[in-house]
Each structure stands twice: as C-alpha cells, then as structure tokens.
C-alpha cells in the first residue's frame, strides 16, 4: 500500500471523465452553499494534504469543454486496492461530501491553487456488491465510466469501471452545477493534461 501511495503522489492518475449530456443549469442552492462553507478549510491545499489528500492527476483540460483542474484524492475514502491490469481499483462505497473523496483545484494565477469543486467516486464492482441502484447525490445519478476496448482512448482514464459526479461548489459552471467539465476552469499552461473529444 505504501508503494502504491508513493506512486499515486508522484505519477499522474487521471480521474477525468467523459462529457455528460443534459446537465442542470442551476447553481448551488442554500444546502450546497452550506456545504461549501463547511469545506472552507480545504481551500488551503496544505490543510487537505494534512488530512490525507494526495495529488492524483495533472491539471486536466478539454480542448473545447473547459477544465477540471488537479484532482486531490483521499485513498482512505476510496479504499484503493492493488491495480487490475494496470487500472486503479478500490473497494470503498463512501459517497459523503464532508469531506468528499476528491477535491478539485485549479491554478489561481499567482503560483498557487484554488479549490473549485469536489468529486464523488465509487468503483462499480464494490458499489453493486452492496447496492442494486446506481449511486445518487440529491436525486442526481452519478455518471458511469468504463473503458471501451474498441476505441484507442481509455474512457475511464486508467480506472476500473466506476461511478463519479462533480459538484462545482466554488467556481460557477456555465455548463451546469454537475457537468463534467467547467468552461470557467483553466490550467494556465501549468501541468496540463489534454483530453480529446470522445
């Protein structure tokens, strides 16, 4: 496990997900605003790291849809296990938001990072060992992500089949509160990882 965490902290683990259609256009309501207030301490990356988060990706950006930024993942909440055929896997079924399994940060333009959103993620096999329905957040189903071996790219971005959902709590998203990509998030040429249309 220690070897895995060292690899995770040093190497890019891409958590980006494919585009979701039919996203809501509304922005955070009062309950989500309260969640954002509760997560204020995580605006400090050092605080997140002291609480078990490690950088799990480069700064992710899509050529036409916007960015996601850096993913800081909490291995304990995701309950990572040994990779399967080189793909990340885990047994956790945690869907909480305080704290979330993944924190999303973007360059702040001054050499630092700013918290822009959160992401919940559970691995499909572990989830369905305990649940029949897909995971949901406030009635919204998570997105299902799995690699299609018939295509050259890995749609699940080096992860075993999983469900995920982004929530843009700290950066307004014109594409929708739960959209995968945010046109307002830029990587500012810092550690960029590009994803093509698929």
N, C-alpha and C. Protein backbone atom coordinates (compact mmCIF):
# COMPACT_ATOMS: atom_id res chain seq x y z
N UNK A 1 0.82 -1.19 0.00
CA UNK A 1 0.00 0.00 0.00
C UNK A 1 0.87 1.26 0.00
N UNK A 2 1.98 1.25 0.79
CA UNK A 2 2.85 2.42 0.82
C UNK A 2 3.44 2.69 -0.55
N UNK A 3 3.83 1.60 -1.24
CA UNK A 3 4.39 1.77 -2.57
C UNK A 3 3.36 2.38 -3.51
N UNK A 4 2.11 1.93 -3.40
CA UNK A 4 1.05 2.49 -4.25
C UNK A 4 0.86 3.98 -3.98
N UNK A 5 0.82 4.37 -2.68
CA UNK A 5 0.59 5.77 -2.34
C UNK A 5 1.73 6.64 -2.84
N UNK A 6 2.96 6.12 -2.79
CA UNK A 6 4.09 6.89 -3.31
C UNK A 6 3.93 7.09 -4.80
N UNK A 7 3.53 6.02 -5.51
CA UNK A 7 3.31 6.12 -6.95
C UNK A 7 2.19 7.10 -7.25
N UNK A 8 1.12 7.03 -6.46
CA UNK A 8 -0.01 7.92 -6.66
C UNK A 8 0.40 9.37 -6.49
N UNK A 9 1.21 9.63 -5.47
CA UNK A 9 1.60 11.01 -5.20
C UNK A 9 2.52 11.57 -6.28
N UNK A 10 3.29 10.69 -6.93
CA UNK A 10 4.27 11.16 -7.90
C UNK A 10 3.79 11.10 -9.34
N UNK A 11 2.97 10.10 -9.66
CA UNK A 11 2.59 9.91 -11.05
C UNK A 11 1.20 10.39 -11.32
N UNK A 12 0.92 10.79 -12.57
CA UNK A 12 -0.43 11.26 -12.89
C UNK A 12 -1.42 10.11 -12.93
N UNK A 13 -2.44 10.22 -12.14
CA UNK A 13 -3.55 9.27 -12.16
C UNK A 13 -4.74 10.06 -12.66
N UNK A 14 -5.20 9.76 -13.83
CA UNK A 14 -6.21 10.60 -14.46
C UNK A 14 -7.60 10.17 -14.04
N UNK A 15 -8.31 11.11 -13.46
CA UNK A 15 -9.64 10.83 -12.96
C UNK A 15 -10.70 11.51 -13.82
N UNK A 16 -10.28 12.21 -14.83
CA UNK A 16 -11.24 12.94 -15.65
C UNK A 16 -12.26 12.00 -16.25
N UNK A 17 -13.43 12.53 -16.51
CA UNK A 17 -14.50 11.70 -17.01
C UNK A 17 -15.09 12.29 -18.28
N UNK A 18 -15.86 11.47 -18.98
CA UNK A 18 -16.43 11.90 -20.26
C UNK A 18 -17.53 12.93 -20.05
N UNK A 19 -17.93 13.54 -21.14
CA UNK A 19 -18.93 14.60 -21.11
C UNK A 19 -20.30 14.01 -20.77
N UNK A 20 -21.02 14.67 -19.89
CA UNK A 20 -22.36 14.24 -19.53
C UNK A 20 -23.37 15.16 -20.20
N UNK A 21 -24.33 14.58 -20.88
CA UNK A 21 -25.36 15.38 -21.53
C UNK A 21 -26.46 15.71 -20.52
N UNK A 22 -27.27 16.69 -20.87
CA UNK A 22 -28.46 17.03 -20.09
C UNK A 22 -28.13 17.37 -18.64
N UNK A 23 -27.15 18.25 -18.45
CA UNK A 23 -26.81 18.67 -17.10
C UNK A 23 -27.69 19.83 -16.67
N UNK A 24 -28.01 19.93 -15.39
CA UNK A 24 -28.84 21.05 -14.94
C UNK A 24 -28.07 22.36 -15.06
N UNK A 25 -28.78 23.45 -15.26
CA UNK A 25 -28.15 24.75 -15.44
C UNK A 25 -28.13 25.57 -14.16
N UNK A 26 -28.72 25.04 -13.09
CA UNK A 26 -28.80 25.80 -11.84
C UNK A 26 -27.47 25.77 -11.10
N UNK A 27 -27.29 26.76 -10.23
CA UNK A 27 -26.09 26.85 -9.42
C UNK A 27 -26.43 26.48 -7.98
N UNK A 28 -25.43 26.41 -7.10
CA UNK A 28 -25.68 25.87 -5.75
C UNK A 28 -26.81 26.55 -5.00
N UNK A 29 -27.67 25.72 -4.39
CA UNK A 29 -28.76 26.24 -3.56
C UNK A 29 -28.25 26.41 -2.12
N UNK A 30 -29.16 26.70 -1.21
CA UNK A 30 -28.76 27.01 0.15
C UNK A 30 -28.02 25.84 0.82
N UNK A 31 -28.50 24.61 0.60
CA UNK A 31 -27.85 23.45 1.21
C UNK A 31 -26.42 23.27 0.69
N UNK A 32 -26.23 23.49 -0.60
CA UNK A 32 -24.89 23.37 -1.16
C UNK A 32 -24.00 24.53 -0.75
N UNK A 33 -24.59 25.69 -0.56
CA UNK A 33 -23.82 26.82 -0.06
C UNK A 33 -23.33 26.54 1.36
N UNK A 34 -24.15 25.87 2.15
CA UNK A 34 -23.73 25.49 3.50
C UNK A 34 -22.60 24.45 3.43
N UNK A 35 -22.71 23.51 2.51
CA UNK A 35 -21.63 22.53 2.33
C UNK A 35 -20.33 23.24 1.94
N UNK A 36 -20.42 24.21 1.05
CA UNK A 36 -19.23 24.96 0.66
C UNK A 36 -18.61 25.66 1.87
N UNK A 37 -19.43 26.19 2.75
CA UNK A 37 -18.90 26.84 3.95
C UNK A 37 -18.19 25.81 4.85
N UNK A 38 -18.77 24.62 4.94
CA UNK A 38 -18.16 23.57 5.77
C UNK A 38 -16.82 23.11 5.20
N UNK A 39 -16.68 23.20 3.90
CA UNK A 39 -15.44 22.74 3.25
C UNK A 39 -14.41 23.85 3.11
N UNK A 40 -14.68 25.03 3.64
CA UNK A 40 -13.76 26.17 3.54
C UNK A 40 -12.32 25.82 3.91
N UNK A 41 -12.07 25.03 4.98
CA UNK A 41 -10.67 24.74 5.33
C UNK A 41 -9.88 24.09 4.20
N UNK A 42 -10.58 23.36 3.32
CA UNK A 42 -9.90 22.67 2.23
C UNK A 42 -9.45 23.62 1.12
N UNK A 43 -9.79 24.90 1.23
CA UNK A 43 -9.26 25.86 0.27
C UNK A 43 -7.75 25.97 0.40
N UNK A 44 -7.23 25.59 1.54
CA UNK A 44 -5.79 25.52 1.78
C UNK A 44 -5.31 24.11 1.41
N UNK A 45 -4.53 24.01 0.34
CA UNK A 45 -4.06 22.70 -0.13
C UNK A 45 -3.28 21.99 0.97
N UNK A 46 -2.49 22.73 1.72
CA UNK A 46 -1.70 22.12 2.80
C UNK A 46 -2.62 21.46 3.83
N UNK A 47 -3.76 22.09 4.11
CA UNK A 47 -4.74 21.50 5.03
C UNK A 47 -5.27 20.19 4.45
N UNK A 48 -5.58 20.19 3.15
CA UNK A 48 -6.06 18.96 2.51
C UNK A 48 -5.02 17.86 2.61
N UNK A 49 -3.77 18.20 2.36
CA UNK A 49 -2.70 17.19 2.42
C UNK A 49 -2.53 16.66 3.84
N UNK A 50 -2.65 17.52 4.82
CA UNK A 50 -2.54 17.07 6.22
C UNK A 50 -3.70 16.13 6.59
N UNK A 51 -4.78 16.24 5.84
CA UNK A 51 -5.96 15.40 6.10
C UNK A 51 -6.09 14.24 5.14
N UNK A 52 -4.97 13.83 4.54
CA UNK A 52 -4.94 12.57 3.78
C UNK A 52 -5.11 12.66 2.29
N UNK A 53 -5.18 13.88 1.72
CA UNK A 53 -5.35 14.01 0.27
C UNK A 53 -3.99 14.08 -0.41
N UNK A 54 -3.89 13.43 -1.57
CA UNK A 54 -2.68 13.47 -2.39
C UNK A 54 -3.06 13.84 -3.82
N UNK A 55 -2.16 14.53 -4.49
CA UNK A 55 -2.44 14.90 -5.88
C UNK A 55 -2.50 13.65 -6.73
N UNK A 56 -3.61 13.45 -7.42
CA UNK A 56 -3.82 12.25 -8.21
C UNK A 56 -3.82 12.47 -9.70
N UNK A 57 -3.64 13.72 -10.15
CA UNK A 57 -3.64 13.97 -11.60
C UNK A 57 -2.90 15.26 -11.88
N UNK A 58 -2.53 15.41 -13.14
CA UNK A 58 -2.08 16.70 -13.61
C UNK A 58 -3.28 17.61 -13.75
N UNK A 59 -3.07 18.83 -14.19
CA UNK A 59 -4.18 19.76 -14.38
C UNK A 59 -4.89 19.38 -15.67
N UNK A 60 -6.13 18.94 -15.55
CA UNK A 60 -6.85 18.38 -16.68
C UNK A 60 -7.71 19.42 -17.38
N UNK A 61 -7.59 19.46 -18.71
CA UNK A 61 -8.34 20.43 -19.51
C UNK A 61 -8.79 19.75 -20.80
N UNK A 62 -9.98 20.12 -21.24
CA UNK A 62 -10.53 19.61 -22.50
C UNK A 62 -10.40 20.72 -23.54
N UNK A 63 -10.08 20.40 -24.80
CA UNK A 63 -9.85 21.46 -25.79
C UNK A 63 -11.06 22.35 -26.07
N UNK A 64 -12.26 21.88 -25.83
CA UNK A 64 -13.44 22.69 -26.14
C UNK A 64 -14.41 22.85 -24.97
N UNK A 65 -14.32 22.00 -23.95
CA UNK A 65 -15.34 21.98 -22.90
C UNK A 65 -14.91 22.64 -21.59
N UNK A 66 -13.64 22.96 -21.46
CA UNK A 66 -13.18 23.59 -20.23
C UNK A 66 -12.23 22.70 -19.48
N UNK A 67 -12.14 22.90 -18.17
CA UNK A 67 -11.19 22.15 -17.37
C UNK A 67 -11.82 21.50 -16.16
N UNK A 68 -11.01 20.68 -15.51
CA UNK A 68 -11.35 20.10 -14.21
C UNK A 68 -10.31 20.50 -13.17
N UNK A 69 -9.10 20.80 -13.62
CA UNK A 69 -8.03 21.12 -12.69
C UNK A 69 -7.35 19.88 -12.16
N UNK A 70 -6.68 20.04 -11.03
CA UNK A 70 -5.98 18.94 -10.37
C UNK A 70 -6.96 18.19 -9.47
N UNK A 71 -6.84 16.87 -9.48
CA UNK A 71 -7.65 16.04 -8.59
C UNK A 71 -6.79 15.64 -7.40
N UNK A 72 -7.22 16.02 -6.20
CA UNK A 72 -6.58 15.56 -4.98
C UNK A 72 -7.48 14.49 -4.38
N UNK A 73 -6.97 13.28 -4.31
CA UNK A 73 -7.78 12.14 -3.90
C UNK A 73 -7.45 11.71 -2.47
N UNK A 74 -8.43 11.14 -1.82
CA UNK A 74 -8.23 10.60 -0.47
C UNK A 74 -8.25 9.08 -0.58
N UNK A 75 -7.07 8.44 -0.59
CA UNK A 75 -7.01 6.98 -0.76
C UNK A 75 -7.79 6.21 0.30
N UNK A 76 -7.86 6.74 1.51
CA UNK A 76 -8.59 6.06 2.58
C UNK A 76 -10.08 6.00 2.26
N UNK A 77 -10.63 7.12 1.77
CA UNK A 77 -12.06 7.14 1.46
C UNK A 77 -12.40 6.30 0.24
N UNK A 78 -11.48 6.26 -0.72
CA UNK A 78 -11.71 5.45 -1.92
C UNK A 78 -11.35 3.98 -1.69
N UNK A 79 -10.61 3.70 -0.61
CA UNK A 79 -10.18 2.35 -0.28
C UNK A 79 -9.51 1.67 -1.48
N UNK A 80 -8.47 2.31 -1.97
CA UNK A 80 -7.73 1.76 -3.11
C UNK A 80 -7.18 0.38 -2.78
N UNK A 81 -7.20 -0.48 -3.78
CA UNK A 81 -6.61 -1.82 -3.70
C UNK A 81 -5.55 -1.92 -4.79
N UNK A 82 -4.98 -3.10 -4.94
CA UNK A 82 -3.99 -3.30 -5.99
C UNK A 82 -4.64 -3.06 -7.35
N UNK A 83 -3.92 -2.43 -8.28
CA UNK A 83 -4.48 -2.23 -9.63
C UNK A 83 -4.80 -3.56 -10.31
N UNK A 84 -5.75 -3.52 -11.24
CA UNK A 84 -6.11 -4.67 -12.05
C UNK A 84 -5.72 -4.37 -13.48
N UNK A 85 -4.80 -5.15 -14.03
CA UNK A 85 -4.30 -4.92 -15.38
C UNK A 85 -3.85 -3.46 -15.56
N UNK A 86 -3.22 -2.92 -14.52
CA UNK A 86 -2.71 -1.56 -14.59
C UNK A 86 -3.73 -0.48 -14.32
N UNK A 87 -4.97 -0.87 -14.07
CA UNK A 87 -6.03 0.12 -13.84
C UNK A 87 -6.32 0.23 -12.34
N UNK A 88 -6.53 1.47 -11.88
CA UNK A 88 -6.81 1.71 -10.48
C UNK A 88 -8.14 1.06 -10.09
N UNK A 89 -8.16 0.54 -8.84
CA UNK A 89 -9.36 -0.13 -8.35
C UNK A 89 -9.50 0.16 -6.86
N UNK A 90 -10.68 -0.07 -6.33
CA UNK A 90 -10.91 0.16 -4.91
C UNK A 90 -12.16 -0.54 -4.44
N UNK A 91 -12.32 -0.60 -3.13
CA UNK A 91 -13.46 -1.29 -2.54
C UNK A 91 -14.39 -0.35 -1.77
N UNK A 92 -14.05 0.92 -1.70
CA UNK A 92 -14.86 1.85 -0.93
C UNK A 92 -16.20 2.14 -1.59
N UNK A 93 -17.21 2.35 -0.75
CA UNK A 93 -18.54 2.74 -1.25
C UNK A 93 -18.96 4.06 -0.60
N UNK A 94 -17.99 4.83 -0.14
CA UNK A 94 -18.25 6.11 0.52
C UNK A 94 -18.76 7.13 -0.49
N UNK A 95 -19.88 7.76 -0.18
CA UNK A 95 -20.44 8.78 -1.07
C UNK A 95 -20.65 10.11 -0.35
N UNK A 96 -20.00 10.27 0.78
CA UNK A 96 -20.16 11.50 1.55
C UNK A 96 -19.53 12.70 0.87
N UNK A 97 -19.93 13.88 1.32
CA UNK A 97 -19.40 15.11 0.74
C UNK A 97 -18.63 15.96 1.74
N UNK A 98 -18.64 15.58 3.01
CA UNK A 98 -17.95 16.37 4.03
C UNK A 98 -17.13 15.45 4.93
N UNK A 99 -15.93 15.03 4.47
CA UNK A 99 -15.25 15.51 3.27
C UNK A 99 -15.60 14.65 2.07
N UNK A 100 -15.33 15.14 0.86
CA UNK A 100 -15.54 14.34 -0.35
C UNK A 100 -14.33 13.44 -0.61
N UNK A 101 -14.50 12.46 -1.47
CA UNK A 101 -13.38 11.58 -1.82
C UNK A 101 -12.32 12.33 -2.63
N UNK A 102 -12.75 13.33 -3.42
CA UNK A 102 -11.83 14.04 -4.31
C UNK A 102 -12.10 15.53 -4.23
N UNK A 103 -11.03 16.30 -4.15
CA UNK A 103 -11.10 17.77 -4.18
C UNK A 103 -10.52 18.23 -5.51
N UNK A 104 -11.15 19.23 -6.13
CA UNK A 104 -10.70 19.76 -7.42
C UNK A 104 -10.10 21.14 -7.22
N UNK A 105 -8.84 21.29 -7.66
CA UNK A 105 -8.14 22.57 -7.54
C UNK A 105 -7.70 23.04 -8.92
N UNK A 106 -7.67 24.35 -9.12
CA UNK A 106 -7.18 24.95 -10.37
C UNK A 106 -6.13 26.00 -10.02
N UNK A 107 -5.20 26.27 -10.95
CA UNK A 107 -4.22 27.33 -10.71
C UNK A 107 -4.92 28.66 -10.45
N UNK A 108 -4.41 29.40 -9.45
CA UNK A 108 -5.06 30.66 -9.08
C UNK A 108 -4.46 31.87 -9.79
N UNK A 109 -3.48 31.65 -10.67
CA UNK A 109 -2.85 32.75 -11.39
C UNK A 109 -1.72 33.42 -10.63
N UNK A 110 -1.46 32.96 -9.41
CA UNK A 110 -0.40 33.54 -8.57
C UNK A 110 0.56 32.48 -8.08
N UNK A 111 0.61 31.36 -8.77
CA UNK A 111 1.52 30.28 -8.39
C UNK A 111 0.94 29.30 -7.39
N UNK A 112 -0.29 29.51 -6.97
CA UNK A 112 -0.94 28.61 -6.03
C UNK A 112 -2.13 27.91 -6.64
N UNK A 113 -2.91 27.26 -5.80
CA UNK A 113 -4.09 26.54 -6.25
C UNK A 113 -5.31 27.04 -5.49
N UNK A 114 -6.47 27.05 -6.18
CA UNK A 114 -7.72 27.40 -5.53
C UNK A 114 -8.71 26.26 -5.69
N UNK A 115 -9.47 26.02 -4.65
CA UNK A 115 -10.48 24.97 -4.65
C UNK A 115 -11.65 25.41 -5.53
N UNK A 116 -12.01 24.58 -6.52
CA UNK A 116 -13.10 24.93 -7.43
C UNK A 116 -14.29 23.99 -7.33
N UNK A 117 -14.08 22.78 -6.84
CA UNK A 117 -15.19 21.84 -6.76
C UNK A 117 -14.79 20.56 -6.05
N UNK A 118 -15.72 19.62 -6.03
CA UNK A 118 -15.49 18.32 -5.43
C UNK A 118 -15.96 17.24 -6.40
N UNK A 119 -15.51 16.03 -6.14
CA UNK A 119 -15.96 14.89 -6.95
C UNK A 119 -16.17 13.70 -6.03
N UNK A 120 -17.29 13.02 -6.22
CA UNK A 120 -17.54 11.76 -5.53
C UNK A 120 -17.26 10.64 -6.54
N UNK A 121 -16.63 9.56 -6.06
CA UNK A 121 -16.29 8.44 -6.95
C UNK A 121 -16.37 7.14 -6.17
N UNK A 122 -17.02 6.14 -6.77
CA UNK A 122 -17.04 4.78 -6.21
C UNK A 122 -16.82 3.81 -7.36
N UNK A 123 -16.12 2.73 -7.07
CA UNK A 123 -15.88 1.70 -8.10
C UNK A 123 -17.12 0.83 -8.24
N UNK A 124 -17.47 0.54 -9.49
CA UNK A 124 -18.75 -0.10 -9.79
C UNK A 124 -18.90 -1.47 -9.13
N UNK A 125 -17.86 -2.29 -9.20
CA UNK A 125 -17.98 -3.64 -8.64
C UNK A 125 -18.25 -3.60 -7.13
N UNK A 126 -17.51 -2.76 -6.43
CA UNK A 126 -17.71 -2.64 -4.99
C UNK A 126 -19.10 -2.09 -4.68
N UNK A 127 -19.53 -1.10 -5.45
CA UNK A 127 -20.83 -0.49 -5.21
C UNK A 127 -21.95 -1.51 -5.38
N UNK A 128 -21.91 -2.27 -6.48
CA UNK A 128 -23.01 -3.20 -6.77
C UNK A 128 -22.95 -4.46 -5.93
N UNK A 129 -21.87 -4.67 -5.20
CA UNK A 129 -21.84 -5.77 -4.23
C UNK A 129 -22.78 -5.46 -3.06
N UNK A 130 -23.11 -4.17 -2.89
CA UNK A 130 -23.96 -3.76 -1.77
C UNK A 130 -25.26 -3.07 -2.20
N UNK A 131 -25.33 -2.61 -3.46
CA UNK A 131 -26.48 -1.83 -3.92
C UNK A 131 -26.95 -2.29 -5.29
N UNK A 132 -28.25 -2.22 -5.51
CA UNK A 132 -28.80 -2.54 -6.83
C UNK A 132 -28.84 -1.31 -7.73
N UNK A 133 -29.18 -0.17 -7.15
CA UNK A 133 -29.31 1.06 -7.93
C UNK A 133 -27.96 1.78 -8.07
N UNK A 134 -27.86 2.64 -9.06
CA UNK A 134 -26.67 3.47 -9.20
C UNK A 134 -26.59 4.45 -8.03
N UNK A 135 -25.38 4.88 -7.68
CA UNK A 135 -25.29 5.89 -6.63
C UNK A 135 -25.90 7.21 -7.09
N UNK A 136 -26.47 7.94 -6.14
CA UNK A 136 -27.10 9.23 -6.44
C UNK A 136 -26.67 10.26 -5.42
N UNK A 137 -26.70 11.51 -5.85
CA UNK A 137 -26.47 12.62 -4.94
C UNK A 137 -27.62 13.59 -5.10
N UNK A 138 -28.43 13.74 -4.07
CA UNK A 138 -29.60 14.62 -4.09
C UNK A 138 -30.50 14.32 -5.29
N UNK A 139 -30.68 13.03 -5.58
CA UNK A 139 -31.53 12.61 -6.68
C UNK A 139 -30.85 12.54 -8.02
N UNK A 140 -29.62 13.00 -8.11
CA UNK A 140 -28.88 13.01 -9.38
C UNK A 140 -28.01 11.76 -9.45
N UNK A 141 -28.20 10.93 -10.48
CA UNK A 141 -27.37 9.74 -10.65
C UNK A 141 -25.94 10.11 -11.00
N UNK A 142 -25.00 9.37 -10.44
CA UNK A 142 -23.60 9.52 -10.85
C UNK A 142 -23.46 9.09 -12.31
N UNK A 143 -22.39 9.52 -12.94
CA UNK A 143 -22.05 9.09 -14.30
C UNK A 143 -21.32 7.75 -14.24
N UNK A 144 -21.67 6.84 -15.13
CA UNK A 144 -20.96 5.55 -15.20
C UNK A 144 -19.81 5.68 -16.19
N UNK A 145 -18.62 5.29 -15.76
CA UNK A 145 -17.42 5.42 -16.59
C UNK A 145 -16.76 4.05 -16.74
N UNK A 146 -16.58 3.60 -17.98
CA UNK A 146 -15.89 2.35 -18.25
C UNK A 146 -15.17 2.47 -19.58
N UNK A 147 -14.03 1.84 -19.69
CA UNK A 147 -13.27 1.87 -20.92
C UNK A 147 -13.97 1.06 -22.00
N UNK A 148 -13.98 1.59 -23.22
CA UNK A 148 -14.47 0.85 -24.38
C UNK A 148 -13.24 0.32 -25.12
N UNK A 149 -12.98 -0.98 -25.07
CA UNK A 149 -11.77 -1.52 -25.69
C UNK A 149 -11.72 -1.33 -27.20
N UNK A 150 -12.84 -0.99 -27.83
CA UNK A 150 -12.87 -0.78 -29.28
C UNK A 150 -12.34 0.59 -29.69
N UNK A 151 -12.09 1.46 -28.71
CA UNK A 151 -11.59 2.81 -29.02
C UNK A 151 -10.14 2.94 -28.56
N UNK A 152 -9.37 3.86 -29.17
CA UNK A 152 -7.96 3.99 -28.80
C UNK A 152 -7.75 4.63 -27.42
N UNK A 153 -8.67 5.48 -26.99
CA UNK A 153 -8.51 6.12 -25.68
C UNK A 153 -9.22 5.31 -24.60
N UNK A 154 -8.82 5.55 -23.37
CA UNK A 154 -9.44 4.89 -22.22
C UNK A 154 -10.46 5.85 -21.62
N UNK A 155 -11.72 5.58 -21.88
CA UNK A 155 -12.78 6.48 -21.42
C UNK A 155 -12.88 6.57 -19.90
N UNK A 156 -12.35 5.56 -19.20
CA UNK A 156 -12.36 5.59 -17.73
C UNK A 156 -11.04 6.10 -17.17
N UNK A 157 -10.16 6.57 -18.04
CA UNK A 157 -8.90 7.21 -17.66
C UNK A 157 -8.08 6.40 -16.66
N UNK A 158 -7.81 5.15 -17.05
CA UNK A 158 -6.94 4.25 -16.28
C UNK A 158 -7.55 3.82 -14.95
N UNK A 159 -8.87 3.90 -14.86
CA UNK A 159 -9.57 3.39 -13.68
C UNK A 159 -10.45 2.22 -14.10
N UNK A 160 -10.65 1.28 -13.19
CA UNK A 160 -11.63 0.24 -13.41
C UNK A 160 -13.01 0.91 -13.50
N UNK A 161 -14.02 0.22 -14.05
CA UNK A 161 -15.34 0.83 -14.16
C UNK A 161 -15.79 1.44 -12.84
N UNK A 162 -16.31 2.66 -12.93
CA UNK A 162 -16.68 3.38 -11.71
C UNK A 162 -17.81 4.36 -11.99
N UNK A 163 -18.32 4.92 -10.92
CA UNK A 163 -19.31 5.99 -11.00
C UNK A 163 -18.68 7.25 -10.39
N UNK A 164 -18.96 8.39 -11.01
CA UNK A 164 -18.46 9.63 -10.43
C UNK A 164 -19.44 10.77 -10.69
N UNK A 165 -19.28 11.82 -9.89
CA UNK A 165 -20.11 13.01 -10.05
C UNK A 165 -19.33 14.22 -9.54
N UNK A 166 -19.25 15.25 -10.38
CA UNK A 166 -18.62 16.51 -9.99
C UNK A 166 -19.67 17.47 -9.45
N UNK A 167 -19.26 18.30 -8.50
CA UNK A 167 -20.12 19.37 -7.99
C UNK A 167 -19.26 20.63 -7.92
N UNK A 168 -19.62 21.64 -8.72
CA UNK A 168 -18.82 22.86 -8.80
C UNK A 168 -19.27 23.86 -7.75
N UNK A 169 -18.83 23.64 -6.53
CA UNK A 169 -19.26 24.44 -5.39
C UNK A 169 -18.59 25.81 -5.33
N UNK A 170 -17.37 25.91 -5.83
CA UNK A 170 -16.58 27.12 -5.62
C UNK A 170 -16.27 27.89 -6.90
N UNK A 171 -16.71 27.37 -8.04
CA UNK A 171 -16.49 28.05 -9.32
C UNK A 171 -17.74 27.86 -10.16
N UNK A 172 -18.44 28.95 -10.44
CA UNK A 172 -19.67 28.84 -11.23
C UNK A 172 -19.37 28.15 -12.55
N UNK A 173 -20.26 27.26 -12.95
CA UNK A 173 -20.07 26.49 -14.18
C UNK A 173 -21.21 26.76 -15.15
N UNK A 174 -20.93 27.46 -16.27
CA UNK A 174 -21.98 27.73 -17.26
C UNK A 174 -22.58 26.45 -17.85
N UNK A 175 -21.83 25.35 -17.80
CA UNK A 175 -22.32 24.08 -18.35
C UNK A 175 -23.24 23.36 -17.37
N UNK A 176 -23.30 23.80 -16.13
CA UNK A 176 -24.17 23.15 -15.16
C UNK A 176 -23.43 22.78 -13.89
N UNK A 177 -24.14 22.78 -12.81
CA UNK A 177 -23.57 22.50 -11.50
C UNK A 177 -22.88 21.15 -11.43
N UNK A 178 -23.43 20.14 -12.14
CA UNK A 178 -22.90 18.78 -12.06
C UNK A 178 -22.18 18.36 -13.35
N UNK A 179 -21.89 19.29 -14.24
CA UNK A 179 -21.23 18.95 -15.51
C UNK A 179 -19.84 18.41 -15.24
N UNK A 180 -19.36 17.59 -16.16
CA UNK A 180 -18.02 17.02 -16.01
C UNK A 180 -16.94 18.08 -16.14
N UNK A 181 -17.06 18.95 -17.14
CA UNK A 181 -16.05 19.96 -17.42
C UNK A 181 -16.62 21.35 -17.13
N UNK A 182 -15.73 22.27 -16.77
CA UNK A 182 -16.15 23.62 -16.43
C UNK A 182 -15.43 24.62 -17.33
N UNK A 183 -16.15 25.33 -18.21
CA UNK A 183 -15.51 26.32 -19.10
C UNK A 183 -14.80 27.44 -18.35
N UNK A 184 -15.15 27.66 -17.08
CA UNK A 184 -14.50 28.71 -16.30
C UNK A 184 -13.20 28.28 -15.64
N UNK A 185 -12.85 26.99 -15.77
CA UNK A 185 -11.62 26.47 -15.16
C UNK A 185 -10.54 26.36 -16.23
N UNK A 186 -9.40 26.99 -15.94
CA UNK A 186 -8.27 26.96 -16.86
C UNK A 186 -7.05 26.39 -16.15
N UNK A 187 -6.21 25.72 -16.91
CA UNK A 187 -4.98 25.18 -16.34
C UNK A 187 -3.80 26.13 -16.53
N UNK A 188 -3.99 27.21 -17.25
CA UNK A 188 -2.98 28.26 -17.41
C UNK A 188 -1.59 27.70 -17.75
N UNK A 189 -1.58 26.70 -18.62
CA UNK A 189 -0.32 26.10 -19.07
C UNK A 189 0.52 25.54 -17.93
N UNK A 190 -0.14 25.08 -16.88
CA UNK A 190 0.58 24.54 -15.73
C UNK A 190 0.24 23.06 -15.56
N UNK A 191 1.17 22.18 -15.91
CA UNK A 191 0.95 20.75 -15.72
C UNK A 191 -0.24 20.23 -16.48
N UNK A 192 -0.46 20.73 -17.69
CA UNK A 192 -1.68 20.43 -18.43
C UNK A 192 -1.72 18.98 -18.90
N UNK A 193 -2.86 18.35 -18.76
CA UNK A 193 -3.13 17.05 -19.35
C UNK A 193 -4.31 17.24 -20.27
N UNK A 194 -4.12 17.06 -21.58
CA UNK A 194 -5.18 17.30 -22.56
C UNK A 194 -5.99 16.04 -22.82
N UNK A 195 -7.28 16.21 -23.03
CA UNK A 195 -8.16 15.12 -23.43
C UNK A 195 -8.89 15.52 -24.70
N UNK A 196 -8.91 14.61 -25.68
CA UNK A 196 -9.59 14.89 -26.93
C UNK A 196 -11.08 14.62 -26.81
N UNK A 197 -11.82 14.97 -27.85
CA UNK A 197 -13.25 14.69 -27.88
C UNK A 197 -13.46 13.19 -28.01
N UNK A 198 -14.34 12.64 -27.17
CA UNK A 198 -14.74 11.24 -27.27
C UNK A 198 -16.02 11.02 -26.50
